[in-house]
Amino acid sequence: MNLWQTISQHISDSTGEIFNIDKQQAVVGGCINQTTRLSDGRRNFFVKTNHISHGDMFAAEACALQEMASSNTVRVPLPVCYGDNGQHCYLVLEYLQMNGSANLVEFARQFADMHKVTQDQFGWHRNNTIGSTPQTNKQHENWIEFWRSQRLGFQLELAATNGYTGELQKLGEKLMVDFPVLFENYQPEPSMLHGDLWGGNISALEDGSAVIYDPAFYYGDREADLAMTYLFGGFSPSFYSAYNEAWPLDQGFSVRKTFYNLYHIINHANLFGGGYHGQAISMMEQILSEIK
């Protein structure tokens, strides 16, 4: 069977109702996968496709969305099925008509509730991706060790292989030693995190209910999730006010916010190059100056 026949059959098997594709419509999405809306004239599904080598990425995303949905907090698109046809892999999600404007105050409360879902260790039982970069989630009881080995250290090593040596590595080595001071009076819990929440990964239903998607899921410090919402334009002041009212943030967040976002900026340098390398160096210098 070709790819679309395979997907059609899998949807039929997963839903218990025959699904024959009547219409395929390309959907504007991210830069990693091809995205398509499938319809049989009655039901619609959102489908991501890619080369078969990305199969583990789709499997991890489906698992993450299911786990987030089980929290009964923020709305996410439910996974229907995933698999491959030997050449291409796919992930089928429920199709949500997202043409509304998100009620960010209500979303902030739901987001805080999601962060209140915890587990015993930091990390997750499987690895996934942040963008198209591998993201390792080996579980740790110690948050500092998790961030040092699975996040900051991982990105710095990747940066070195990409040719980013010199000042980035020099400052990175110092930060790897010094950053635990940021946690002297702060002990985070292993909270359920989206992991990649910026403005491009949130939308809304017509009634204003927020929907979040494309997670880089794991359990970690909720501040890491909040920090990323400040990147690439940020959210509205009402969002941050409502979140802080639902679950007040520690006063040290203002410094840790930059520290956590460094992970994403180094990742962007690794993925896209450009000015992200210089931005990462500036952020390191700022963090180091504030924790002396």
C-alpha atoms as a PDB file:
ATOM      1  CA  MET A   1       0.000   0.000   0.000  1.00  0.00           C
ATOM      2  CA  ASN A   2       1.100   3.564  -0.591  1.00  0.00           C
ATOM      3  CA  LEU A   3       1.403   5.971   2.327  1.00  0.00           C
ATOM      4  CA  TRP A   4      -2.133   7.357   2.189  1.00  0.00           C
ATOM      5  CA  GLN A   5      -3.709   3.929   1.827  1.00  0.00           C
ATOM      6  CA  THR A   6      -1.728   2.802   4.871  1.00  0.00           C
ATOM      7  CA  ILE A   7      -2.861   5.832   6.877  1.00  0.00           C
ATOM      8  CA  SER A   8      -6.491   5.410   5.792  1.00  0.00           C
ATOM      9  CA  GLN A   9      -6.487   1.758   6.850  1.00  0.00           C
ATOM     10  CA  HIS A  10      -4.806   2.564  10.178  1.00  0.00           C
ATOM     11  CA  ILE A  11      -7.388   5.264  10.957  1.00  0.00           C
ATOM     12  CA  SER A  12     -10.149   2.772  10.170  1.00  0.00           C
ATOM     13  CA  ASP A  13      -8.591   0.152  12.447  1.00  0.00           C
ATOM     14  CA  SER A  14      -7.934   2.632  15.273  1.00  0.00           C
ATOM     15  CA  THR A  15     -11.367   4.241  15.267  1.00  0.00           C
ATOM     16  CA  GLY A  16     -13.404   1.156  14.442  1.00  0.00           C
ATOM     17  CA  GLU A  17     -15.052   3.013  11.589  1.00  0.00           C
ATOM     18  CA  ILE A  18     -14.122   2.811   7.906  1.00  0.00           C
ATOM     19  CA  PHE A  19     -12.264   5.900   6.707  1.00  0.00           C
ATOM     20  CA  ASN A  20     -11.798   6.449   2.980  1.00  0.00           C
ATOM     21  CA  ILE A  21      -9.942   9.619   2.032  1.00  0.00           C
ATOM     22  CA  ASP A  22     -12.124  12.010   0.076  1.00  0.00           C
ATOM     23  CA  LYS A  23      -9.947  15.118   0.321  1.00  0.00           C
ATOM     24  CA  GLN A  24      -6.337  15.967   1.178  1.00  0.00           C
ATOM     25  CA  GLN A  25      -5.414  19.541   2.008  1.00  0.00           C
ATOM     26  CA  ALA A  26      -1.910  20.735   2.826  1.00  0.00           C
ATOM     27  CA  VAL A  27      -1.771  22.656   6.095  1.00  0.00           C
ATOM     28  CA  VAL A  28       0.755  25.368   6.850  1.00  0.00           C
ATOM     29  CA  GLY A  29       2.839  24.074   9.735  1.00  0.00           C
ATOM     30  CA  GLY A  30       6.386  23.900  11.031  1.00  0.00           C
ATOM     31  CA  CYS A  31       9.595  23.403   9.071  1.00  0.00           C
ATOM     32  CA  ILE A  32      10.244  19.783  10.093  1.00  0.00           C
ATOM     33  CA  ASN A  33       7.244  17.748   8.919  1.00  0.00           C
ATOM     34  CA  GLN A  34       4.701  17.771   6.131  1.00  0.00           C
ATOM     35  CA  THR A  35       1.223  18.434   7.501  1.00  0.00           C
ATOM     36  CA  THR A  36      -2.071  17.491   5.891  1.00  0.00           C
ATOM     37  CA  ARG A  37      -5.762  17.636   6.698  1.00  0.00           C
ATOM     38  CA  LEU A  38      -7.552  14.450   5.660  1.00  0.00           C
ATOM     39  CA  SER A  39     -11.313  14.202   5.221  1.00  0.00           C
ATOM     40  CA  ASP A  40     -13.791  11.549   4.186  1.00  0.00           C
ATOM     41  CA  GLY A  41     -16.513  14.171   3.830  1.00  0.00           C
ATOM     42  CA  ARG A  42     -17.645  13.614   7.401  1.00  0.00           C
ATOM     43  CA  ARG A  43     -14.604  13.235   9.632  1.00  0.00           C
ATOM     44  CA  ASN A  44     -11.329  15.163   9.590  1.00  0.00           C
ATOM     45  CA  PHE A  45      -7.873  14.264  10.844  1.00  0.00           C
ATOM     46  CA  PHE A  46      -4.581  16.158  11.082  1.00  0.00           C
ATOM     47  CA  VAL A  47      -1.628  14.154   9.785  1.00  0.00           C
ATOM     48  CA  LYS A  48       2.117  14.700  10.081  1.00  0.00           C
ATOM     49  CA  THR A  49       4.400  12.793   7.718  1.00  0.00           C
ATOM     50  CA  ASN A  50       8.156  12.498   7.343  1.00  0.00           C
ATOM     51  CA  HIS A  51      10.924  10.120   6.316  1.00  0.00           C
ATOM     52  CA  ILE A  52      10.805   6.811   8.172  1.00  0.00           C
ATOM     53  CA  SER A  53      13.915   7.806  10.140  1.00  0.00           C
ATOM     54  CA  HIS A  54      11.683  10.162  12.163  1.00  0.00           C
ATOM     55  CA  GLY A  55       9.399   7.388  13.379  1.00  0.00           C
ATOM     56  CA  ASP A  56      10.645   7.532  16.971  1.00  0.00           C
ATOM     57  CA  MET A  57       9.923  11.266  17.036  1.00  0.00           C
ATOM     58  CA  PHE A  58       6.275  10.674  16.149  1.00  0.00           C
ATOM     59  CA  ALA A  59       5.961   7.816  18.640  1.00  0.00           C
ATOM     60  CA  ALA A  60       7.322  10.023  21.425  1.00  0.00           C
ATOM     61  CA  GLU A  61       5.000  12.875  20.448  1.00  0.00           C
ATOM     62  CA  ALA A  62       1.965  10.609  20.524  1.00  0.00           C
ATOM     63  CA  CYS A  63       2.971   9.316  23.959  1.00  0.00           C
ATOM     64  CA  ALA A  64       3.534  12.846  25.248  1.00  0.00           C
ATOM     65  CA  LEU A  65       0.192  14.147  23.981  1.00  0.00           C
ATOM     66  CA  GLN A  66      -1.603  11.214  25.578  1.00  0.00           C
ATOM     67  CA  GLU A  67       0.122  11.841  28.910  1.00  0.00           C
ATOM     68  CA  MET A  68      -0.673  15.554  28.769  1.00  0.00           C
ATOM     69  CA  ALA A  69      -4.295  14.806  27.899  1.00  0.00           C
ATOM     70  CA  SER A  70      -4.547  12.481  30.898  1.00  0.00           C
ATOM     71  CA  SER A  71      -3.799  15.449  33.188  1.00  0.00           C
ATOM     72  CA  ASN A  72      -7.231  16.928  32.293  1.00  0.00           C
ATOM     73  CA  THR A  73      -5.791  20.435  32.279  1.00  0.00           C
ATOM     74  CA  VAL A  74      -4.770  22.136  29.013  1.00  0.00           C
ATOM     75  CA  ARG A  75      -6.354  20.892  25.770  1.00  0.00           C
ATOM     76  CA  VAL A  76      -4.069  19.045  23.367  1.00  0.00           C
ATOM     77  CA  PRO A  77      -4.862  17.286  20.078  1.00  0.00           C
ATOM     78  CA  LEU A  78      -5.425  13.621  20.858  1.00  0.00           C
ATOM     79  CA  PRO A  79      -3.319  11.080  18.977  1.00  0.00           C
ATOM     80  CA  VAL A  80      -5.268   8.621  16.835  1.00  0.00           C
ATOM     81  CA  CYS A  81      -2.473   6.404  15.500  1.00  0.00           C
ATOM     82  CA  TYR A  82       1.092   6.445  14.215  1.00  0.00           C
ATOM     83  CA  GLY A  83       3.236   4.151  12.121  1.00  0.00           C
ATOM     84  CA  ASP A  84       4.998   3.825   8.776  1.00  0.00           C
ATOM     85  CA  ASN A  85       4.696   2.202   5.366  1.00  0.00           C
ATOM     86  CA  GLY A  86       8.350   1.211   5.099  1.00  0.00           C
ATOM     87  CA  GLN A  87       9.448   4.496   3.541  1.00  0.00           C
ATOM     88  CA  HIS A  88       7.597   7.245   5.398  1.00  0.00           C
ATOM     89  CA  CYS A  89       6.285   7.581   8.925  1.00  0.00           C
ATOM     90  CA  TYR A  90       3.130   9.345  10.052  1.00  0.00           C
ATOM     91  CA  LEU A  91       1.274  10.624  13.088  1.00  0.00           C
ATOM     92  CA  VAL A  92      -2.496  11.050  12.941  1.00  0.00           C
ATOM     93  CA  LEU A  93      -4.120  13.477  15.388  1.00  0.00           C
ATOM     94  CA  GLU A  94      -7.661  14.607  15.935  1.00  0.00           C
ATOM     95  CA  TYR A  95      -8.421  17.647  13.813  1.00  0.00           C
ATOM     96  CA  LEU A  96      -9.274  20.736  15.853  1.00  0.00           C
ATOM     97  CA  GLN A  97     -10.670  23.867  14.237  1.00  0.00           C
ATOM     98  CA  MET A  98      -8.322  26.414  15.778  1.00  0.00           C
ATOM     99  CA  ASN A  99      -9.547  29.801  14.623  1.00  0.00           C
ATOM    100  CA  GLY A 100     -10.197  31.470  17.960  1.00  0.00           C
ATOM    101  CA  SER A 101      -8.265  33.861  20.164  1.00  0.00           C
ATOM    102  CA  ALA A 102      -6.901  32.182  23.279  1.00  0.00           C
ATOM    103  CA  ASN A 103      -8.190  33.237  26.679  1.00  0.00           C
ATOM    104  CA  LEU A 104      -4.709  33.537  28.174  1.00  0.00           C
ATOM    105  CA  VAL A 105      -5.949  34.108  31.704  1.00  0.00           C
ATOM    106  CA  GLU A 106      -7.836  30.807  31.692  1.00  0.00           C
ATOM    107  CA  PHE A 107      -4.924  29.123  29.940  1.00  0.00           C
ATOM    108  CA  ALA A 108      -2.493  30.356  32.601  1.00  0.00           C
ATOM    109  CA  ARG A 109      -4.600  28.686  35.302  1.00  0.00           C
ATOM    110  CA  GLN A 110      -4.763  25.452  33.321  1.00  0.00           C
ATOM    111  CA  PHE A 111      -1.023  25.609  32.693  1.00  0.00           C
ATOM    112  CA  ALA A 112      -0.369  25.965  36.423  1.00  0.00           C
ATOM    113  CA  ASP A 113      -2.633  22.972  37.055  1.00  0.00           C
ATOM    114  CA  MET A 114      -0.666  20.936  34.511  1.00  0.00           C
ATOM    115  CA  HIS A 115       2.561  21.847  36.296  1.00  0.00           C
ATOM    116  CA  LYS A 116       1.069  20.580  39.551  1.00  0.00           C
ATOM    117  CA  VAL A 117       1.082  17.078  38.042  1.00  0.00           C
ATOM    118  CA  THR A 118       4.362  15.584  39.236  1.00  0.00           C
ATOM    119  CA  GLN A 119       6.363  12.377  39.295  1.00  0.00           C
ATOM    120  CA  ASP A 120       9.230  11.138  41.461  1.00  0.00           C
ATOM    121  CA  GLN A 121      12.122  11.899  39.095  1.00  0.00           C
ATOM    122  CA  PHE A 122      13.199  14.542  36.626  1.00  0.00           C
ATOM    123  CA  GLY A 123      13.194  13.511  32.981  1.00  0.00           C
ATOM    124  CA  TRP A 124      10.967  10.974  31.278  1.00  0.00           C
ATOM    125  CA  HIS A 125      10.895   7.273  30.436  1.00  0.00           C
ATOM    126  CA  ARG A 126      11.797   7.979  26.793  1.00  0.00           C
ATOM    127  CA  ASN A 127      13.888  10.404  24.768  1.00  0.00           C
ATOM    128  CA  ASN A 128      12.333  12.796  22.262  1.00  0.00           C
ATOM    129  CA  THR A 129      13.285  15.895  20.302  1.00  0.00           C
ATOM    130  CA  ILE A 130      13.474  19.653  20.735  1.00  0.00           C
ATOM    131  CA  GLY A 131      12.753  20.874  17.233  1.00  0.00           C
ATOM    132  CA  SER A 132      14.690  18.333  15.194  1.00  0.00           C
ATOM    133  CA  THR A 133      17.477  18.018  17.798  1.00  0.00           C
ATOM    134  CA  PRO A 134      17.562  14.849  19.917  1.00  0.00           C
ATOM    135  CA  GLN A 135      16.547  15.545  23.517  1.00  0.00           C
ATOM    136  CA  THR A 136      17.722  13.010  26.078  1.00  0.00           C
ATOM    137  CA  ASN A 137      15.562  12.529  29.158  1.00  0.00           C
ATOM    138  CA  LYS A 138      17.475  10.058  31.328  1.00  0.00           C
ATOM    139  CA  GLN A 139      15.769  10.212  34.683  1.00  0.00           C
ATOM    140  CA  HIS A 140      17.504  11.792  37.674  1.00  0.00           C
ATOM    141  CA  GLU A 141      16.511  12.449  41.258  1.00  0.00           C
ATOM    142  CA  ASN A 142      18.720  15.553  41.244  1.00  0.00           C
ATOM    143  CA  TRP A 143      17.565  18.468  39.071  1.00  0.00           C
ATOM    144  CA  ILE A 144      21.001  20.098  38.879  1.00  0.00           C
ATOM    145  CA  GLU A 145      22.566  16.895  37.578  1.00  0.00           C
ATOM    146  CA  PHE A 146      19.715  16.412  35.124  1.00  0.00           C
ATOM    147  CA  TRP A 147      20.123  19.903  33.689  1.00  0.00           C
ATOM    148  CA  ARG A 148      23.897  19.642  33.608  1.00  0.00           C
ATOM    149  CA  SER A 149      23.993  16.328  31.720  1.00  0.00           C
ATOM    150  CA  GLN A 150      20.733  16.189  29.762  1.00  0.00           C
ATOM    151  CA  ARG A 151      20.257  19.830  28.808  1.00  0.00           C
ATOM    152  CA  LEU A 152      23.060  22.413  29.016  1.00  0.00           C
ATOM    153  CA  GLY A 153      25.927  19.947  28.703  1.00  0.00           C
ATOM    154  CA  PHE A 154      24.279  18.122  25.813  1.00  0.00           C
ATOM    155  CA  GLN A 155      23.790  21.336  23.829  1.00  0.00           C
ATOM    156  CA  LEU A 156      27.323  22.534  24.521  1.00  0.00           C
ATOM    157  CA  GLU A 157      28.764  19.244  23.255  1.00  0.00           C
ATOM    158  CA  LEU A 158      26.607  19.458  20.151  1.00  0.00           C
ATOM    159  CA  ALA A 159      27.728  23.058  19.627  1.00  0.00           C
ATOM    160  CA  ALA A 160      31.375  21.967  19.766  1.00  0.00           C
ATOM    161  CA  THR A 161      30.765  19.356  17.054  1.00  0.00           C
ATOM    162  CA  ASN A 162      29.099  22.085  14.985  1.00  0.00           C
ATOM    163  CA  GLY A 163      32.206  24.245  15.210  1.00  0.00           C
ATOM    164  CA  TYR A 164      31.119  26.548  18.036  1.00  0.00           C
ATOM    165  CA  THR A 165      34.271  26.478  20.111  1.00  0.00           C
ATOM    166  CA  GLY A 166      36.147  29.397  21.632  1.00  0.00           C
ATOM    167  CA  GLU A 167      34.171  31.803  23.819  1.00  0.00           C
ATOM    168  CA  LEU A 168      30.967  29.757  23.844  1.00  0.00           C
ATOM    169  CA  GLN A 169      32.727  26.720  25.272  1.00  0.00           C
ATOM    170  CA  LYS A 170      34.877  28.768  27.651  1.00  0.00           C
ATOM    171  CA  LEU A 171      31.824  30.469  29.173  1.00  0.00           C
ATOM    172  CA  GLY A 172      29.879  27.222  29.039  1.00  0.00           C
ATOM    173  CA  GLU A 173      32.499  25.390  31.088  1.00  0.00           C
ATOM    174  CA  LYS A 174      32.387  28.099  33.741  1.00  0.00           C
ATOM    175  CA  LEU A 175      28.604  28.112  33.806  1.00  0.00           C
ATOM    176  CA  MET A 176      28.477  24.321  34.151  1.00  0.00           C
ATOM    177  CA  VAL A 177      30.474  24.687  37.367  1.00  0.00           C
ATOM    178  CA  ASP A 178      28.844  27.815  38.743  1.00  0.00           C
ATOM    179  CA  PHE A 179      25.138  27.492  37.936  1.00  0.00           C
ATOM    180  CA  PRO A 180      24.168  25.401  41.033  1.00  0.00           C
ATOM    181  CA  VAL A 181      24.271  28.651  43.017  1.00  0.00           C
ATOM    182  CA  LEU A 182      20.980  29.511  41.308  1.00  0.00           C
ATOM    183  CA  PHE A 183      19.374  26.691  43.294  1.00  0.00           C
ATOM    184  CA  GLU A 184      20.824  27.329  46.748  1.00  0.00           C
ATOM    185  CA  ASN A 185      17.453  28.458  48.101  1.00  0.00           C
ATOM    186  CA  TYR A 186      15.177  26.879  45.531  1.00  0.00           C
ATOM    187  CA  GLN A 187      14.222  23.222  45.120  1.00  0.00           C
ATOM    188  CA  PRO A 188      12.044  22.542  42.065  1.00  0.00           C
ATOM    189  CA  GLU A 189       9.616  19.650  41.737  1.00  0.00           C
ATOM    190  CA  PRO A 190       9.482  17.284  38.724  1.00  0.00           C
ATOM    191  CA  SER A 191       6.444  18.932  37.097  1.00  0.00           C
ATOM    192  CA  MET A 192       4.763  17.895  33.870  1.00  0.00           C
ATOM    193  CA  LEU A 193       6.210  20.191  31.184  1.00  0.00           C
ATOM    194  CA  HIS A 194       5.326  20.936  27.595  1.00  0.00           C
ATOM    195  CA  GLY A 195       9.019  21.644  27.020  1.00  0.00           C
ATOM    196  CA  ASP A 196       8.764  23.848  23.915  1.00  0.00           C
ATOM    197  CA  LEU A 197       6.028  26.351  24.644  1.00  0.00           C
ATOM    198  CA  TRP A 198       6.417  29.513  22.606  1.00  0.00           C
ATOM    199  CA  GLY A 199       3.775  31.486  20.724  1.00  0.00           C
ATOM    200  CA  GLY A 200       3.944  29.196  17.706  1.00  0.00           C
ATOM    201  CA  ASN A 201       2.865  26.142  19.706  1.00  0.00           C
ATOM    202  CA  ILE A 202      -0.376  27.511  21.118  1.00  0.00           C
ATOM    203  CA  SER A 203      -3.650  28.269  19.398  1.00  0.00           C
ATOM    204  CA  ALA A 204      -7.310  28.300  20.391  1.00  0.00           C
ATOM    205  CA  LEU A 205     -10.713  26.901  19.587  1.00  0.00           C
ATOM    206  CA  GLU A 206     -13.503  29.242  18.577  1.00  0.00           C
ATOM    207  CA  ASP A 207     -14.649  29.553  22.215  1.00  0.00           C
ATOM    208  CA  GLY A 208     -11.187  30.775  23.287  1.00  0.00           C
ATOM    209  CA  SER A 209     -10.050  27.470  24.829  1.00  0.00           C
ATOM    210  CA  ALA A 210      -6.286  27.231  24.434  1.00  0.00           C
ATOM    211  CA  VAL A 211      -4.753  24.266  22.626  1.00  0.00           C
ATOM    212  CA  ILE A 212      -1.046  23.459  22.904  1.00  0.00           C
ATOM    213  CA  TYR A 213       0.857  21.067  20.653  1.00  0.00           C
ATOM    214  CA  ASP A 214       4.306  20.005  19.355  1.00  0.00           C
ATOM    215  CA  PRO A 215       5.634  19.204  22.837  1.00  0.00           C
ATOM    216  CA  ALA A 216       9.211  18.404  23.839  1.00  0.00           C
ATOM    217  CA  PHE A 217       7.777  16.702  26.914  1.00  0.00           C
ATOM    218  CA  TYR A 218       9.474  15.762  30.171  1.00  0.00           C
ATOM    219  CA  TYR A 219       9.157  16.321  33.928  1.00  0.00           C
ATOM    220  CA  GLY A 220      11.202  19.192  35.297  1.00  0.00           C
ATOM    221  CA  ASP A 221      11.195  22.604  36.921  1.00  0.00           C
ATOM    222  CA  ARG A 222       8.018  24.451  35.927  1.00  0.00           C
ATOM    223  CA  GLU A 223      10.121  27.603  35.619  1.00  0.00           C
ATOM    224  CA  ALA A 224      11.750  26.107  32.513  1.00  0.00           C
ATOM    225  CA  ASP A 225       8.320  26.035  30.817  1.00  0.00           C
ATOM    226  CA  LEU A 226       7.465  29.557  31.969  1.00  0.00           C
ATOM    227  CA  ALA A 227      10.846  30.859  30.854  1.00  0.00           C
ATOM    228  CA  MET A 228      10.369  29.745  27.272  1.00  0.00           C
ATOM    229  CA  THR A 229       7.073  31.621  26.983  1.00  0.00           C
ATOM    230  CA  TYR A 230       9.145  34.826  27.143  1.00  0.00           C
ATOM    231  CA  LEU A 231      11.102  33.940  23.992  1.00  0.00           C
ATOM    232  CA  PHE A 232      10.178  35.069  20.495  1.00  0.00           C
ATOM    233  CA  GLY A 233       7.680  37.735  21.496  1.00  0.00           C
ATOM    234  CA  GLY A 234       6.379  36.442  24.804  1.00  0.00           C
ATOM    235  CA  PHE A 235       2.821  36.183  26.082  1.00  0.00           C
ATOM    236  CA  SER A 236       0.590  38.932  27.451  1.00  0.00           C
ATOM    237  CA  PRO A 237       1.093  40.463  30.910  1.00  0.00           C
ATOM    238  CA  SER A 238      -2.325  39.066  31.886  1.00  0.00           C
ATOM    239  CA  PHE A 239      -1.011  35.529  31.303  1.00  0.00           C
ATOM    240  CA  TYR A 240       1.924  35.965  33.683  1.00  0.00           C
ATOM    241  CA  SER A 241      -0.217  37.708  36.275  1.00  0.00           C
ATOM    242  CA  ALA A 242      -2.814  34.936  36.198  1.00  0.00           C
ATOM    243  CA  TYR A 243      -0.173  32.201  36.410  1.00  0.00           C
ATOM    244  CA  ASN A 244       1.536  33.871  39.363  1.00  0.00           C
ATOM    245  CA  GLU A 245      -1.816  34.206  41.076  1.00  0.00           C
ATOM    246  CA  ALA A 246      -2.579  30.512  40.516  1.00  0.00           C
ATOM    247  CA  TRP A 247       0.882  29.365  41.671  1.00  0.00           C
ATOM    248  CA  PRO A 248       3.264  32.137  42.790  1.00  0.00           C
ATOM    249  CA  LEU A 249       6.773  32.005  41.357  1.00  0.00           C
ATOM    250  CA  ASP A 250       9.947  32.129  43.426  1.00  0.00           C
ATOM    251  CA  GLN A 251      11.729  35.490  43.425  1.00  0.00           C
ATOM    252  CA  GLY A 252      14.824  33.932  41.837  1.00  0.00           C
ATOM    253  CA  PHE A 253      12.920  33.205  38.630  1.00  0.00           C
ATOM    254  CA  SER A 254      14.072  36.445  37.003  1.00  0.00           C
ATOM    255  CA  VAL A 255      17.656  35.153  36.843  1.00  0.00           C
ATOM    256  CA  ARG A 256      16.828  31.490  36.224  1.00  0.00           C
ATOM    257  CA  LYS A 257      14.571  32.539  33.328  1.00  0.00           C
ATOM    258  CA  THR A 258      17.616  33.587  31.279  1.00  0.00           C
ATOM    259  CA  PHE A 259      19.498  30.487  32.387  1.00  0.00           C
ATOM    260  CA  TYR A 260      16.742  28.148  31.205  1.00  0.00           C
ATOM    261  CA  ASN A 261      16.286  29.946  27.905  1.00  0.00           C
ATOM    262  CA  LEU A 262      19.974  29.553  27.174  1.00  0.00           C
ATOM    263  CA  TYR A 263      19.218  25.898  26.379  1.00  0.00           C
ATOM    264  CA  HIS A 264      16.836  26.924  23.610  1.00  0.00           C
ATOM    265  CA  ILE A 265      19.106  29.616  22.198  1.00  0.00           C
ATOM    266  CA  ILE A 266      22.087  27.262  21.973  1.00  0.00           C
ATOM    267  CA  ASN A 267      19.765  24.748  20.322  1.00  0.00           C
ATOM    268  CA  HIS A 268      18.746  27.410  17.790  1.00  0.00           C
ATOM    269  CA  ALA A 269      22.412  28.138  17.148  1.00  0.00           C
ATOM    270  CA  ASN A 270      22.947  24.430  16.525  1.00  0.00           C
ATOM    271  CA  LEU A 271      19.943  24.242  14.212  1.00  0.00           C
ATOM    272  CA  PHE A 272      20.034  27.567  12.391  1.00  0.00           C
ATOM    273  CA  GLY A 273      23.309  29.359  13.141  1.00  0.00           C
ATOM    274  CA  GLY A 274      23.093  33.065  12.464  1.00  0.00           C
ATOM    275  CA  GLY A 275      22.921  35.453  15.389  1.00  0.00           C
ATOM    276  CA  TYR A 276      21.956  32.803  17.926  1.00  0.00           C
ATOM    277  CA  HIS A 277      25.614  32.051  18.651  1.00  0.00           C
ATOM    278  CA  GLY A 278      26.269  35.641  19.714  1.00  0.00           C
ATOM    279  CA  GLN A 279      23.005  35.749  21.663  1.00  0.00           C
ATOM    280  CA  ALA A 280      24.013  32.632  23.600  1.00  0.00           C
ATOM    281  CA  ILE A 281      27.353  34.215  24.536  1.00  0.00           C
ATOM    282  CA  SER A 282      25.616  37.399  25.713  1.00  0.00           C
ATOM    283  CA  MET A 283      23.198  35.369  27.835  1.00  0.00           C
ATOM    284  CA  MET A 284      26.047  33.418  29.425  1.00  0.00           C
ATOM    285  CA  GLU A 285      27.875  36.617  30.276  1.00  0.00           C
ATOM    286  CA  GLN A 286      24.715  38.048  31.828  1.00  0.00           C
ATOM    287  CA  ILE A 287      24.020  34.944  33.929  1.00  0.00           C
ATOM    288  CA  LEU A 288      27.594  34.690  35.155  1.00  0.00           C
ATOM    289  CA  SER A 289      27.624  38.365  36.120  1.00  0.00           C
ATOM    290  CA  GLU A 290      24.435  37.911  38.154  1.00  0.00           C
ATOM    291  CA  ILE A 291      25.564  34.858  40.107  1.00  0.00           C
ATOM    292  CA  LYS A 292      28.991  36.121  41.179  1.00  0.00           C
END
